[in-house]
Amino acid sequence: MDLLKDLGLTVPVIQAPMAGVSTPKLAAAVSDAGGLGSIAVGAVDAARARLLIEEMRTRTERAFQVNVFAHAAPRPDPDREAAWLAALRPHFERFRSAPPEVLRVIYKSFCEDSRMLETLVDAAPPAVSFHFGLPGKDTIDALKAAGCRLFATVTNLAEARLAEKAGIDALVAQGYEAGGHRGAFDPSAVDERLGTLALTRLLAATSPLPVISAGGIMDGAGIRAVLDLGAAAAQLGTAFVACPESSADDAYRAALARAAETGTVMTSAISGRPARCLVNDITRWARGDVPPVPDYPIAYDAGKALNAAAKAAGEHGFGAQWAGQGAPMARPMQAAQLVAALEAELRERVPMGPHLN
């Protein structure tokens, strides 16, 4: 609880760091409204990350979070990658395009990116969060010495124990309902698929660290539920996609508005890692007989190329339209208005008591 107070939260709401959707404008609006705004730098280089952090500081004086991807290095497999490209070729040809000749590692893991570490230590954002795993001890020590509070996404108790031992300050309990990439440390391991409520209660009952619940939470009632289970705050991603300050394009927003009709699905076909997405053309195709997907982020090179070709042809069903199971409850409104609505809904049900007041 004290950690979130120290970061200045007056509302127990954290905007999820959604790569490709979150913007400094969105994050600053959330922070200024009393929550914790977030930007994602896992898909950019260190120079771009520095600019994003600098922009955050021009937009808000309040605390914010910077998220990085701490995944294990991918294992290139030319045969598997060639088979994947061959399977995607008919889609490319439909859009009068050709798939890449070879697939690249388009994102460097934070665990291997010394320049990103230097940037974060120098910029010292108030909070840094890790997704897909944890960096090494020296990296964690350097960030803590710079004054950064550290969050880590966990999907089960074993990952939580590793985060505790590593010196993490707070656990982001990501339920299977959550939109976007599953934060599992090892995507090849059996996934228990713990839901948000079960995982929140397990961690709150067994961990000494503050728990931030994530997955399927869209309104004050959902926030109240996880607070009652022992969470210190709730992290919402899909709820903020519909805000005008996000960088979601018109097709993504339209698909989100139809979520009650289409639903969501967990798929690895877009990036190479399990991620919850609105059901669209690429996720429907992936349900068929397809070859093994290359490792993340190698597969994402093909996924981004196919989406670009489709969009150029006027088709919008091949993108990473990440969304959680609560997507039908998304409300298009300004980010500050959404935070205010969440706070009002939370207070209408039960006084906030000791959580953040």
Protein backbone atom coordinates (compact mmCIF):
# COMPACT_ATOMS: atom_id res chain seq x y z
CA MET A 1 0.00 0.00 0.00
CA ASP A 2 2.75 2.46 0.97
CA LEU A 3 4.47 1.93 -2.38
CA LEU A 4 1.47 3.25 -4.29
CA LYS A 5 1.02 6.12 -1.85
CA ASP A 6 4.68 7.00 -2.36
CA LEU A 7 4.02 7.16 -6.11
CA GLY A 8 1.24 9.66 -5.44
CA LEU A 9 -1.82 7.62 -6.42
CA THR A 10 -5.09 9.00 -5.12
CA VAL A 11 -7.11 6.52 -7.18
CA PRO A 12 -6.09 2.81 -7.20
CA VAL A 13 -5.93 2.71 -11.00
CA ILE A 14 -2.89 1.95 -13.14
CA GLN A 15 -3.10 2.30 -16.90
CA ALA A 16 -1.47 -0.73 -18.47
CA PRO A 17 1.62 -0.05 -20.60
CA MET A 18 0.22 -1.18 -23.95
CA ALA A 19 2.97 -1.23 -26.58
CA GLY A 20 1.73 0.36 -29.79
CA VAL A 21 -1.32 1.93 -28.10
CA SER A 22 -0.23 3.82 -24.99
CA THR A 23 1.09 7.34 -25.54
CA PRO A 24 2.63 10.00 -23.29
CA LYS A 25 -0.55 12.02 -23.73
CA LEU A 26 -2.67 9.13 -22.44
CA ALA A 27 -0.29 8.25 -19.62
CA ALA A 28 0.03 11.86 -18.44
CA ALA A 29 -3.75 12.28 -18.40
CA VAL A 30 -4.12 9.21 -16.20
CA SER A 31 -1.38 10.34 -13.82
CA ASP A 32 -2.80 13.85 -13.58
CA ALA A 33 -6.21 12.35 -12.76
CA GLY A 34 -4.75 10.54 -9.74
CA GLY A 35 -3.83 7.16 -11.22
CA LEU A 36 -0.54 5.90 -12.58
CA GLY A 37 -0.02 6.38 -16.31
CA SER A 38 2.29 4.10 -18.25
CA ILE A 39 4.34 4.08 -21.42
CA ALA A 40 5.85 1.04 -23.10
CA VAL A 41 9.37 1.06 -24.55
CA GLY A 42 9.82 -2.64 -25.27
CA ALA A 43 9.25 -2.07 -28.98
CA VAL A 44 11.55 0.96 -29.38
CA ASP A 45 15.27 1.64 -29.04
CA ALA A 46 16.98 3.53 -26.23
CA ALA A 47 17.01 6.85 -28.07
CA ARG A 48 13.27 6.72 -28.67
CA ALA A 49 12.68 5.63 -25.07
CA ARG A 50 14.54 8.69 -23.83
CA LEU A 51 12.37 10.96 -25.96
CA LEU A 52 9.19 9.33 -24.66
CA ILE A 53 10.30 9.77 -21.05
CA GLU A 54 11.24 13.38 -21.71
CA GLU A 55 7.83 13.98 -23.24
CA MET A 56 6.18 12.45 -20.19
CA ARG A 57 8.00 14.93 -17.98
CA THR A 58 6.82 17.85 -20.10
CA ARG A 59 3.23 16.66 -19.78
CA THR A 60 3.01 15.76 -16.10
CA GLU A 61 4.82 16.33 -12.83
CA ARG A 62 3.29 13.22 -11.33
CA ALA A 63 4.67 9.68 -11.23
CA PHE A 64 4.47 7.33 -14.19
CA GLN A 65 5.58 3.85 -15.19
CA VAL A 66 7.90 2.72 -17.99
CA ASN A 67 7.54 -0.87 -19.19
CA VAL A 68 10.19 -3.09 -20.79
CA PHE A 69 10.17 -6.62 -22.21
CA ALA A 70 12.49 -8.98 -20.33
CA HIS A 71 12.06 -12.08 -22.48
CA ALA A 72 14.61 -14.81 -23.08
CA ALA A 73 16.51 -14.53 -26.34
CA PRO A 74 14.64 -16.18 -29.24
CA ARG A 75 15.99 -19.31 -30.87
CA PRO A 76 16.22 -18.83 -34.64
CA ASP A 77 15.00 -21.85 -36.60
CA PRO A 78 15.32 -21.30 -40.37
CA ASP A 79 13.19 -24.34 -41.26
CA ARG A 80 10.35 -23.37 -38.92
CA GLU A 81 10.50 -19.75 -40.08
CA ALA A 82 10.44 -20.78 -43.75
CA ALA A 83 7.41 -23.00 -43.13
CA TRP A 84 5.64 -20.14 -41.35
CA LEU A 85 6.31 -17.75 -44.22
CA ALA A 86 5.07 -20.34 -46.70
CA ALA A 87 1.85 -20.72 -44.75
CA LEU A 88 1.33 -16.93 -44.73
CA ARG A 89 2.18 -16.48 -48.42
CA PRO A 90 -1.43 -16.85 -49.70
CA HIS A 91 -2.45 -13.96 -47.45
CA PHE A 92 0.34 -11.77 -48.78
CA GLU A 93 -0.56 -12.70 -52.37
CA ARG A 94 -4.18 -11.80 -51.70
CA PHE A 95 -2.95 -8.29 -50.91
CA ARG A 96 -0.59 -8.23 -53.91
CA SER A 97 2.46 -8.40 -51.71
CA ALA A 98 5.20 -10.87 -50.86
CA PRO A 99 6.26 -12.10 -47.43
CA PRO A 100 9.72 -11.20 -46.13
CA GLU A 101 12.48 -13.41 -47.49
CA VAL A 102 13.80 -13.97 -43.96
CA LEU A 103 12.50 -13.08 -40.52
CA ARG A 104 14.38 -10.80 -38.13
CA VAL A 105 14.57 -10.35 -34.38
CA ILE A 106 12.80 -6.99 -34.40
CA TYR A 107 12.83 -6.29 -30.64
CA LYS A 108 15.85 -6.63 -28.37
CA SER A 109 15.15 -7.98 -24.90
CA PHE A 110 15.82 -5.56 -22.07
CA CYS A 111 17.94 -8.33 -20.57
CA GLU A 112 20.41 -7.81 -23.44
CA ASP A 113 20.04 -4.08 -24.03
CA SER A 114 22.73 -2.18 -22.15
CA ARG A 115 21.80 1.10 -23.84
CA MET A 116 18.22 0.86 -22.64
CA LEU A 117 19.45 0.18 -19.11
CA GLU A 118 21.75 3.21 -19.31
CA THR A 119 18.83 5.33 -20.49
CA LEU A 120 16.53 4.21 -17.69
CA VAL A 121 19.18 4.64 -15.01
CA ASP A 122 19.96 8.11 -16.30
CA ALA A 123 16.31 9.15 -16.73
CA ALA A 124 15.21 7.42 -13.51
CA PRO A 125 11.46 7.17 -14.14
CA PRO A 126 9.50 6.73 -10.91
CA ALA A 127 8.50 3.16 -11.78
CA VAL A 128 9.84 0.53 -14.19
CA SER A 129 7.93 -2.66 -14.93
CA PHE A 130 9.09 -5.93 -16.45
CA HIS A 131 7.03 -8.18 -18.71
CA PHE A 132 7.89 -11.73 -19.85
CA GLY A 133 10.42 -12.27 -17.06
CA LEU A 134 13.07 -10.59 -14.97
CA PRO A 135 16.45 -9.04 -15.79
CA GLY A 136 19.58 -9.98 -13.86
CA LYS A 137 20.57 -8.84 -10.38
CA ASP A 138 22.99 -6.16 -11.57
CA THR A 139 20.26 -4.56 -13.68
CA ILE A 140 17.75 -4.63 -10.85
CA ASP A 141 20.31 -3.19 -8.43
CA ALA A 142 21.18 -0.38 -10.86
CA LEU A 143 17.54 0.62 -11.32
CA LYS A 144 16.85 0.54 -7.60
CA ALA A 145 19.96 2.63 -6.95
CA ALA A 146 18.59 5.17 -9.42
CA GLY A 147 15.43 5.42 -7.33
CA CYS A 148 13.09 3.44 -9.59
CA ARG A 149 10.32 1.36 -8.05
CA LEU A 150 10.12 -2.00 -9.80
CA PHE A 151 7.01 -3.94 -10.85
CA ALA A 152 6.95 -7.38 -12.47
CA THR A 153 4.12 -9.17 -14.25
CA VAL A 154 3.53 -12.66 -12.86
CA THR A 155 0.99 -15.29 -13.89
CA ASN A 156 1.47 -17.86 -11.12
CA LEU A 157 2.94 -18.41 -7.66
CA ALA A 158 6.28 -19.72 -8.91
CA GLU A 159 6.91 -16.56 -10.91
CA ALA A 160 5.90 -14.48 -7.90
CA ARG A 161 8.47 -16.24 -5.72
CA LEU A 162 11.18 -15.49 -8.30
CA ALA A 163 10.17 -11.82 -8.37
CA GLU A 164 10.24 -11.60 -4.58
CA LYS A 165 13.73 -13.10 -4.42
CA ALA A 166 14.92 -10.72 -7.15
CA GLY A 167 13.98 -7.65 -5.10
CA ILE A 168 10.91 -6.53 -7.04
CA ASP A 169 8.72 -3.97 -5.22
CA ALA A 170 5.25 -4.97 -6.48
CA LEU A 171 3.62 -7.85 -8.34
CA VAL A 172 1.30 -7.33 -11.30
CA ALA A 173 -1.03 -10.32 -11.07
CA GLN A 174 -2.00 -10.94 -14.69
CA GLY A 175 -5.05 -13.16 -15.01
CA TYR A 176 -5.78 -15.20 -18.11
CA GLU A 177 -8.55 -12.72 -18.96
CA ALA A 178 -6.04 -9.95 -19.69
CA GLY A 179 -5.62 -8.46 -23.14
CA GLY A 180 -2.30 -8.30 -24.91
CA HIS A 181 0.70 -10.49 -24.33
CA ARG A 182 0.62 -13.13 -21.64
CA GLY A 183 3.42 -12.24 -19.23
CA ALA A 184 4.51 -15.82 -18.52
CA PHE A 185 8.25 -16.13 -17.93
CA ASP A 186 8.52 -19.34 -19.99
CA PRO A 187 5.98 -19.60 -22.82
CA SER A 188 6.90 -23.26 -23.37
CA ALA A 189 5.85 -24.23 -19.83
CA VAL A 190 2.36 -25.45 -18.98
CA ASP A 191 0.19 -22.41 -18.29
CA GLU A 192 -2.09 -22.81 -15.27
CA ARG A 193 -4.33 -20.12 -16.83
CA LEU A 194 -5.15 -18.67 -13.44
CA GLY A 195 -7.90 -16.07 -13.53
CA THR A 196 -7.45 -12.59 -12.12
CA LEU A 197 -9.50 -13.18 -8.97
CA ALA A 198 -7.85 -16.48 -8.07
CA LEU A 199 -4.33 -15.20 -8.73
CA THR A 200 -4.97 -11.97 -6.83
CA ARG A 201 -6.16 -13.83 -3.75
CA LEU A 202 -3.34 -16.37 -3.89
CA LEU A 203 -0.70 -13.65 -4.07
CA ALA A 204 -2.34 -11.40 -1.48
CA ALA A 205 -2.48 -14.33 0.93
CA THR A 206 1.08 -15.56 0.39
CA SER A 207 3.29 -12.66 -0.75
CA PRO A 208 4.71 -9.81 1.31
CA LEU A 209 4.62 -7.54 -1.76
CA PRO A 210 1.79 -5.26 -2.91
CA VAL A 211 -0.38 -6.89 -5.56
CA ILE A 212 -1.66 -5.04 -8.62
CA SER A 213 -4.48 -6.97 -10.29
CA ALA A 214 -4.72 -7.07 -14.09
CA GLY A 215 -7.11 -8.79 -16.46
CA GLY A 216 -10.74 -8.20 -17.34
CA ILE A 217 -11.17 -5.18 -15.05
CA MET A 218 -13.19 -2.45 -16.75
CA ASP A 219 -15.14 -0.53 -14.09
CA GLY A 220 -15.30 0.42 -10.44
CA ALA A 221 -17.05 -2.82 -9.51
CA GLY A 222 -14.12 -4.81 -10.89
CA ILE A 223 -11.64 -2.63 -9.02
CA ARG A 224 -13.64 -3.06 -5.82
CA ALA A 225 -13.59 -6.83 -6.24
CA VAL A 226 -9.80 -7.08 -6.46
CA LEU A 227 -9.28 -4.58 -3.63
CA ASP A 228 -11.54 -6.72 -1.45
CA LEU A 229 -9.34 -9.72 -2.30
CA GLY A 230 -6.26 -7.89 -1.06
CA ALA A 231 -4.94 -6.04 -4.10
CA ALA A 232 -3.42 -2.58 -3.63
CA ALA A 233 -4.59 -1.38 -7.06
CA ALA A 234 -5.99 -2.51 -10.39
CA GLN A 235 -4.23 -2.25 -13.75
CA LEU A 236 -6.53 -1.62 -16.73
CA GLY A 237 -5.46 -1.80 -20.36
CA THR A 238 -8.41 -2.48 -22.64
CA ALA A 239 -10.47 0.14 -20.81
CA PHE A 240 -8.04 2.84 -22.01
CA VAL A 241 -7.75 1.70 -25.65
CA ALA A 242 -11.00 3.49 -26.48
CA CYS A 243 -9.76 6.79 -25.03
CA PRO A 244 -9.01 9.42 -27.70
CA GLU A 245 -5.51 9.88 -26.24
CA SER A 246 -4.50 6.31 -27.19
CA SER A 247 -2.90 5.67 -30.58
CA ALA A 248 -5.40 2.95 -31.56
CA ASP A 249 -6.45 3.46 -35.18
CA ASP A 250 -10.05 3.74 -36.37
CA ALA A 251 -10.24 0.06 -37.34
CA TYR A 252 -9.04 -1.04 -33.90
CA ARG A 253 -11.61 1.22 -32.22
CA ALA A 254 -14.38 -0.10 -34.48
CA ALA A 255 -13.38 -3.69 -33.72
CA LEU A 256 -13.38 -2.93 -29.99
CA ALA A 257 -16.90 -1.50 -30.31
CA ARG A 258 -18.00 -4.87 -31.80
CA ALA A 259 -16.33 -6.95 -29.08
CA ALA A 260 -19.63 -8.24 -27.74
CA GLU A 261 -20.26 -9.86 -31.12
CA THR A 262 -16.77 -11.17 -31.87
CA GLY A 263 -15.21 -11.93 -28.51
CA THR A 264 -11.50 -12.42 -27.84
CA VAL A 265 -9.05 -15.28 -28.23
CA MET A 266 -5.58 -16.16 -27.01
CA THR A 267 -3.24 -16.58 -29.98
CA SER A 268 0.47 -16.88 -30.72
CA ALA A 269 0.04 -16.41 -34.45
CA ILE A 270 0.62 -12.67 -34.53
CA SER A 271 3.82 -12.32 -32.51
CA GLY A 272 5.06 -15.75 -31.49
CA ARG A 273 3.89 -15.36 -27.88
CA PRO A 274 0.42 -16.05 -26.47
CA ALA A 275 -1.59 -12.82 -26.49
CA ARG A 276 -5.30 -12.07 -26.12
CA CYS A 277 -6.72 -10.38 -29.21
CA LEU A 278 -10.10 -9.43 -30.61
CA VAL A 279 -11.20 -12.20 -32.94
CA ASN A 280 -10.31 -11.14 -36.50
CA ASP A 281 -9.12 -12.61 -39.79
CA ILE A 282 -5.65 -13.62 -38.59
CA THR A 283 -6.89 -15.24 -35.38
CA ARG A 284 -9.54 -17.21 -37.31
CA TRP A 285 -6.89 -18.45 -39.73
CA ALA A 286 -4.64 -19.45 -36.85
CA ARG A 287 -7.33 -21.76 -35.48
CA GLY A 288 -6.84 -24.00 -38.50
CA ASP A 289 -4.04 -26.38 -39.44
CA VAL A 290 -1.00 -24.11 -39.30
CA PRO A 291 2.69 -24.95 -38.78
CA PRO A 292 4.52 -24.22 -35.51
CA VAL A 293 4.94 -20.51 -34.89
CA PRO A 294 8.50 -19.10 -34.75
CA ASP A 295 9.76 -17.66 -31.48
CA TYR A 296 8.81 -14.19 -30.27
CA PRO A 297 9.63 -11.65 -31.63
CA ILE A 298 10.76 -13.35 -34.85
CA ALA A 299 7.18 -14.25 -35.78
CA TYR A 300 6.16 -10.64 -35.16
CA ASP A 301 8.28 -9.57 -38.13
CA ALA A 302 5.95 -11.57 -40.38
CA GLY A 303 2.86 -10.45 -38.49
CA LYS A 304 3.68 -6.76 -38.86
CA ALA A 305 4.52 -7.16 -42.55
CA LEU A 306 1.23 -8.94 -43.22
CA ASN A 307 -0.75 -6.32 -41.32
CA ALA A 308 0.94 -3.54 -43.29
CA ALA A 309 0.14 -5.26 -46.59
CA ALA A 310 -3.48 -5.82 -45.56
CA LYS A 311 -3.98 -2.22 -44.41
CA ALA A 312 -2.50 -0.93 -47.66
CA ALA A 313 -5.20 -2.94 -49.44
CA GLY A 314 -7.93 -1.58 -47.19
CA GLU A 315 -8.24 -4.67 -44.98
CA HIS A 316 -7.98 -4.31 -41.20
CA GLY A 317 -8.42 -7.81 -39.81
CA PHE A 318 -4.76 -8.82 -39.60
CA GLY A 319 -3.49 -6.54 -36.86
CA ALA A 320 -2.65 -6.88 -33.19
CA GLN A 321 -6.00 -5.69 -31.87
CA TRP A 322 -5.19 -6.65 -28.30
CA ALA A 323 -8.11 -6.73 -25.86
CA GLY A 324 -9.13 -8.51 -22.68
CA GLN A 325 -12.28 -10.48 -21.96
CA GLY A 326 -13.96 -7.38 -20.55
CA ALA A 327 -13.71 -5.64 -23.94
CA PRO A 328 -17.49 -5.27 -24.46
CA MET A 329 -17.50 -2.86 -21.50
CA ALA A 330 -15.06 -0.40 -23.10
CA ARG A 331 -16.24 3.21 -22.93
CA PRO A 332 -14.92 5.81 -25.38
CA MET A 333 -14.21 8.86 -23.24
CA GLN A 334 -11.32 11.11 -22.30
CA ALA A 335 -8.78 9.36 -20.06
CA ALA A 336 -9.30 11.80 -17.18
CA GLN A 337 -13.05 11.30 -17.42
CA LEU A 338 -12.60 7.53 -17.36
CA VAL A 339 -10.43 7.69 -14.22
CA ALA A 340 -13.03 9.94 -12.58
CA ALA A 341 -15.81 7.53 -13.56
CA LEU A 342 -13.86 4.57 -12.16
CA GLU A 343 -13.30 6.41 -8.89
CA ALA A 344 -16.97 7.37 -8.64
CA GLU A 345 -18.11 3.80 -9.34
CA LEU A 346 -15.68 2.49 -6.76
CA ARG A 347 -16.88 4.90 -4.07
CA GLU A 348 -20.56 4.24 -4.83
CA ARG A 349 -20.23 0.63 -3.79
CA VAL A 350 -18.11 0.69 -0.63
CA PRO A 351 -15.93 3.44 0.91
CA MET A 352 -12.32 2.94 -0.14
CA GLY A 353 -11.25 2.54 3.46
CA PRO A 354 -7.52 2.00 4.04
CA HIS A 355 -6.52 1.03 0.50
CA LEU A 356 -5.25 4.40 -0.75
CA ASN A 357 -7.06 7.03 1.32
